[in-house]
Amino acid sequence: MNRISIRDKTFSGIPAKDNLESLHVVIVGVAFVSRMYYADAYSAEQVAKPTCWSSDTELPAINVPDHKRQSARCVDCPQNIKGSGRGLGRACRFVQRLAVVMVDDLETVYQIQLPPTSIFGDAVEGDMPLRAYARYLEVRETPFVALVTDMYFDASSDVPKLFFRPVRPLEERELETVKRMMEHEDTTRALSLSIVPVEHGNVSPFAVTDGFIINN
């Protein structure tokens, strides 16, 4: 799977486009909110498989081993309490995956995972996290897939944090291609919660950031 990383507040993972601070894409899919908990702080040697996780934010996934499951329900989990993580944050973090294509290559799907700061929050002077952007488009009866979106970093944030804004509507020929890609198997894979088996733990499925990724 093609993945875009936002580590170090630059986009990487896209041929000939690495280390950009802004990226024009078409969003062809948005996954549900997920949660992931790592018992240990992230390091380059960290096993990719999280300690506990949930694909629906309510119940831990059924394939989480009993000895690693933190709670019967996310809502009751001690890792879901403010202050259980760094500062006032939660140790169990939200995750949201997007499936996107590049404006100049509408048939190659990339997965990008967003930290919570890129998902939640209000629009401020035109800077919109994902959910604020979704509300902005909903009022205008415009779906994500109908236009080019600019993803760009919040220059004032110490950690990778993305904002979204519309660039232009798609041309008819572009829209036809994008509609096909919405149903493509690569899009389905990009939106799926995939936990790397322990034996393949040296291969990370995620673009790790100091934060987490969330769903709409």
Protein backbone atom coordinates (compact mmCIF):
# COMPACT_ATOMS: atom_id res chain seq x y z
CA MET A 1 0.00 0.00 0.00
CA ASN A 2 1.21 3.52 -0.81
CA ARG A 3 1.37 5.66 2.32
CA ILE A 4 1.98 9.34 2.94
CA SER A 5 3.88 10.26 6.07
CA ILE A 6 3.54 13.63 7.80
CA ARG A 7 6.44 13.14 10.18
CA ASP A 8 8.64 16.23 10.68
CA LYS A 9 5.83 18.41 9.28
CA THR A 10 6.53 17.48 5.67
CA PHE A 11 4.78 15.11 3.28
CA SER A 12 6.83 12.10 2.20
CA GLY A 13 6.11 8.85 0.42
CA ILE A 14 5.03 10.40 -2.89
CA PRO A 15 7.52 10.00 -5.76
CA ALA A 16 9.02 13.34 -6.81
CA LYS A 17 6.93 15.17 -4.20
CA ASP A 18 8.73 14.40 -0.94
CA ASN A 19 9.35 17.07 1.70
CA LEU A 20 6.51 19.30 0.58
CA GLU A 21 4.60 21.43 3.08
CA SER A 22 1.41 21.49 1.00
CA LEU A 23 -0.19 18.85 -1.18
CA HIS A 24 -3.10 19.00 -3.66
CA VAL A 25 -5.16 15.81 -3.54
CA VAL A 26 -8.61 14.41 -4.17
CA ILE A 27 -10.07 12.57 -1.17
CA VAL A 28 -11.63 9.35 -2.49
CA GLY A 29 -12.46 7.77 0.87
CA VAL A 30 -12.70 8.50 4.61
CA ALA A 31 -12.57 5.71 7.19
CA PHE A 32 -14.32 5.56 10.54
CA VAL A 33 -12.58 6.73 13.69
CA SER A 34 -10.30 4.11 15.20
CA ARG A 35 -8.31 3.94 18.42
CA MET A 36 -4.85 2.59 19.16
CA TYR A 37 -2.94 2.18 22.38
CA TYR A 38 0.79 1.54 22.69
CA ALA A 39 2.01 0.51 26.13
CA ASP A 40 5.48 1.89 25.36
CA ALA A 41 6.50 5.26 23.98
CA TYR A 42 7.21 5.23 20.27
CA SER A 43 10.74 4.53 19.12
CA ALA A 44 12.26 3.61 15.79
CA GLU A 45 12.62 0.04 17.04
CA GLN A 46 9.02 -0.20 18.26
CA VAL A 47 7.02 -3.19 17.09
CA ALA A 48 4.38 -1.95 14.68
CA LYS A 49 1.55 -3.87 16.30
CA PRO A 50 -0.18 -1.79 18.99
CA THR A 51 -0.93 -3.20 22.43
CA CYS A 52 -4.69 -2.70 22.08
CA TRP A 53 -6.87 -1.24 19.36
CA SER A 54 -10.44 -0.69 18.23
CA SER A 55 -11.80 -0.18 14.75
CA ASP A 56 -15.05 1.39 15.92
CA THR A 57 -14.04 3.31 19.10
CA GLU A 58 -16.58 1.37 21.16
CA LEU A 59 -15.30 -2.18 21.62
CA PRO A 60 -11.71 -3.40 21.34
CA ALA A 61 -11.18 -5.50 18.23
CA ILE A 62 -12.01 -9.15 18.73
CA ASN A 63 -8.50 -10.14 17.65
CA VAL A 64 -6.83 -8.25 20.52
CA PRO A 65 -5.34 -10.91 22.83
CA ASP A 66 -7.11 -11.05 26.18
CA HIS A 67 -3.93 -10.33 28.11
CA LYS A 68 -3.41 -7.14 26.11
CA ARG A 69 -6.99 -5.89 26.06
CA GLN A 70 -7.17 -2.84 28.28
CA SER A 71 -10.92 -2.85 28.92
CA ALA A 72 -14.15 -4.51 27.82
CA ARG A 73 -15.29 -1.17 26.38
CA CYS A 74 -13.36 1.87 25.19
CA VAL A 75 -15.68 4.16 27.14
CA ASP A 76 -14.63 2.49 30.41
CA CYS A 77 -10.95 2.09 29.57
CA PRO A 78 -8.37 3.69 31.90
CA GLN A 79 -6.29 4.51 28.82
CA ASN A 80 -9.17 6.68 27.58
CA ILE A 81 -9.02 9.11 30.50
CA LYS A 82 -7.56 12.58 30.11
CA GLY A 83 -4.14 12.62 31.71
CA SER A 84 -3.43 8.95 31.03
CA GLY A 85 -1.08 10.00 28.24
CA ARG A 86 1.34 12.86 27.75
CA GLY A 87 0.22 16.00 29.57
CA LEU A 88 -3.58 16.09 29.59
CA GLY A 89 -3.84 13.77 26.60
CA ARG A 90 -5.21 10.24 26.48
CA ALA A 91 -2.87 7.28 26.26
CA CYS A 92 -5.21 5.66 23.73
CA ARG A 93 -5.27 7.84 20.68
CA PHE A 94 -7.74 8.37 17.91
CA VAL A 95 -6.79 7.44 14.35
CA GLN A 96 -8.39 8.38 11.05
CA ARG A 97 -7.39 7.12 7.65
CA LEU A 98 -7.98 8.87 4.34
CA ALA A 99 -7.62 7.47 0.85
CA VAL A 100 -6.36 10.15 -1.53
CA VAL A 101 -5.10 10.46 -5.11
CA MET A 102 -2.80 13.09 -6.54
CA VAL A 103 -4.17 15.66 -8.99
CA ASP A 104 -1.57 14.63 -11.57
CA ASP A 105 -2.10 10.90 -10.97
CA LEU A 106 -5.74 10.13 -10.25
CA GLU A 107 -5.29 6.34 -10.46
CA THR A 108 -2.75 5.80 -7.67
CA VAL A 109 -4.25 5.62 -4.19
CA TYR A 110 -2.37 6.68 -1.06
CA GLN A 111 -3.28 6.18 2.57
CA ILE A 112 -2.71 8.99 5.03
CA GLN A 113 -3.43 8.74 8.76
CA LEU A 114 -4.35 11.85 10.66
CA PRO A 115 -3.59 12.78 14.26
CA PRO A 116 -6.54 14.07 16.34
CA THR A 117 -5.43 17.68 15.96
CA SER A 118 -5.87 17.31 12.20
CA ILE A 119 -9.41 16.02 12.64
CA PHE A 120 -11.11 17.88 15.45
CA GLY A 121 -11.44 21.57 16.15
CA ASP A 122 -13.11 24.61 14.68
CA ALA A 123 -12.11 26.58 11.62
CA VAL A 124 -10.01 29.63 12.48
CA GLU A 125 -9.50 32.27 9.81
CA GLY A 126 -10.02 29.71 7.05
CA ASP A 127 -7.79 27.02 8.57
CA MET A 128 -9.94 23.90 8.87
CA PRO A 129 -9.23 20.51 10.46
CA LEU A 130 -10.91 17.63 8.66
CA ARG A 131 -14.28 17.71 10.42
CA ALA A 132 -14.58 21.47 10.10
CA TYR A 133 -13.74 21.09 6.41
CA ALA A 134 -16.43 18.39 6.07
CA ARG A 135 -19.01 20.74 7.63
CA TYR A 136 -17.89 23.54 5.33
CA LEU A 137 -18.46 21.34 2.27
CA GLU A 138 -21.72 19.90 3.59
CA VAL A 139 -23.27 23.35 3.88
CA ARG A 140 -22.35 23.88 0.23
CA GLU A 141 -23.64 20.43 -0.75
CA THR A 142 -20.21 19.50 -2.10
CA PRO A 143 -18.67 16.06 -1.48
CA PHE A 144 -14.93 15.59 -0.90
CA VAL A 145 -14.64 13.69 -4.15
CA ALA A 146 -15.92 16.56 -6.28
CA LEU A 147 -12.98 18.88 -5.80
CA VAL A 148 -9.26 19.27 -5.36
CA THR A 149 -8.27 19.72 -1.71
CA ASP A 150 -5.17 21.42 -0.43
CA MET A 151 -3.66 19.67 2.61
CA TYR A 152 -1.17 21.89 4.41
CA PHE A 153 0.61 22.05 7.75
CA ASP A 154 -0.16 24.36 10.63
CA ALA A 155 3.06 26.37 10.79
CA SER A 156 2.38 27.37 14.40
CA SER A 157 2.07 23.79 15.69
CA ASP A 158 5.00 21.98 17.26
CA VAL A 159 3.66 18.63 16.04
CA PRO A 160 2.41 17.62 12.59
CA LYS A 161 -1.07 19.11 12.21
CA LEU A 162 -2.93 19.39 8.92
CA PHE A 163 -5.50 21.82 7.65
CA PHE A 164 -7.73 21.41 4.59
CA ARG A 165 -9.14 23.86 2.08
CA PRO A 166 -10.80 23.65 -1.35
CA VAL A 167 -8.78 24.52 -4.45
CA ARG A 168 -11.08 23.97 -7.43
CA PRO A 169 -13.87 21.69 -8.65
CA LEU A 170 -12.86 18.68 -10.71
CA GLU A 171 -13.29 18.73 -14.45
CA GLU A 172 -15.76 16.21 -15.84
CA ARG A 173 -13.09 13.83 -17.13
CA GLU A 174 -11.28 13.98 -13.78
CA LEU A 175 -14.49 13.28 -11.90
CA GLU A 176 -15.21 10.18 -13.96
CA THR A 177 -11.79 8.76 -13.10
CA VAL A 178 -12.14 9.62 -9.43
CA LYS A 179 -15.56 7.94 -9.22
CA ARG A 180 -13.96 4.71 -10.45
CA MET A 181 -11.20 5.01 -7.89
CA MET A 182 -13.73 5.33 -5.05
CA GLU A 183 -14.67 1.68 -5.68
CA HIS A 184 -11.12 0.47 -6.33
CA GLU A 185 -9.67 -2.27 -4.14
CA ASP A 186 -6.70 -0.02 -3.29
CA THR A 187 -9.11 2.51 -1.80
CA THR A 188 -10.75 -0.19 0.29
CA ARG A 189 -7.36 -1.34 1.55
CA ALA A 190 -6.29 2.20 2.38
CA LEU A 191 -9.35 2.68 4.57
CA SER A 192 -9.06 -0.67 6.36
CA LEU A 193 -7.59 -1.02 9.83
CA SER A 194 -4.58 -3.26 9.29
CA ILE A 195 -2.53 -4.49 12.23
CA VAL A 196 0.85 -5.88 11.20
CA PRO A 197 1.45 -9.36 12.66
CA VAL A 198 4.16 -9.55 15.31
CA GLU A 199 6.40 -11.57 13.02
CA HIS A 200 6.35 -8.63 10.61
CA GLY A 201 6.68 -6.01 13.31
CA ASN A 202 9.68 -4.36 11.70
CA VAL A 203 7.39 -3.09 8.94
CA SER A 204 5.24 -0.24 10.18
CA PRO A 205 1.81 0.17 8.53
CA PHE A 206 1.47 3.70 9.85
CA ALA A 207 2.92 7.13 9.31
CA VAL A 208 3.82 7.69 12.95
CA THR A 209 3.32 11.18 14.34
CA ASP A 210 3.28 12.69 17.77
CA GLY A 211 -0.44 12.44 17.86
CA PHE A 212 -2.95 10.18 16.30
CA ILE A 213 -5.24 9.70 13.42
CA ILE A 214 -8.96 9.97 13.32
CA ASN A 215 -12.07 9.24 11.37
CA ASN A 216 -15.00 11.28 10.27
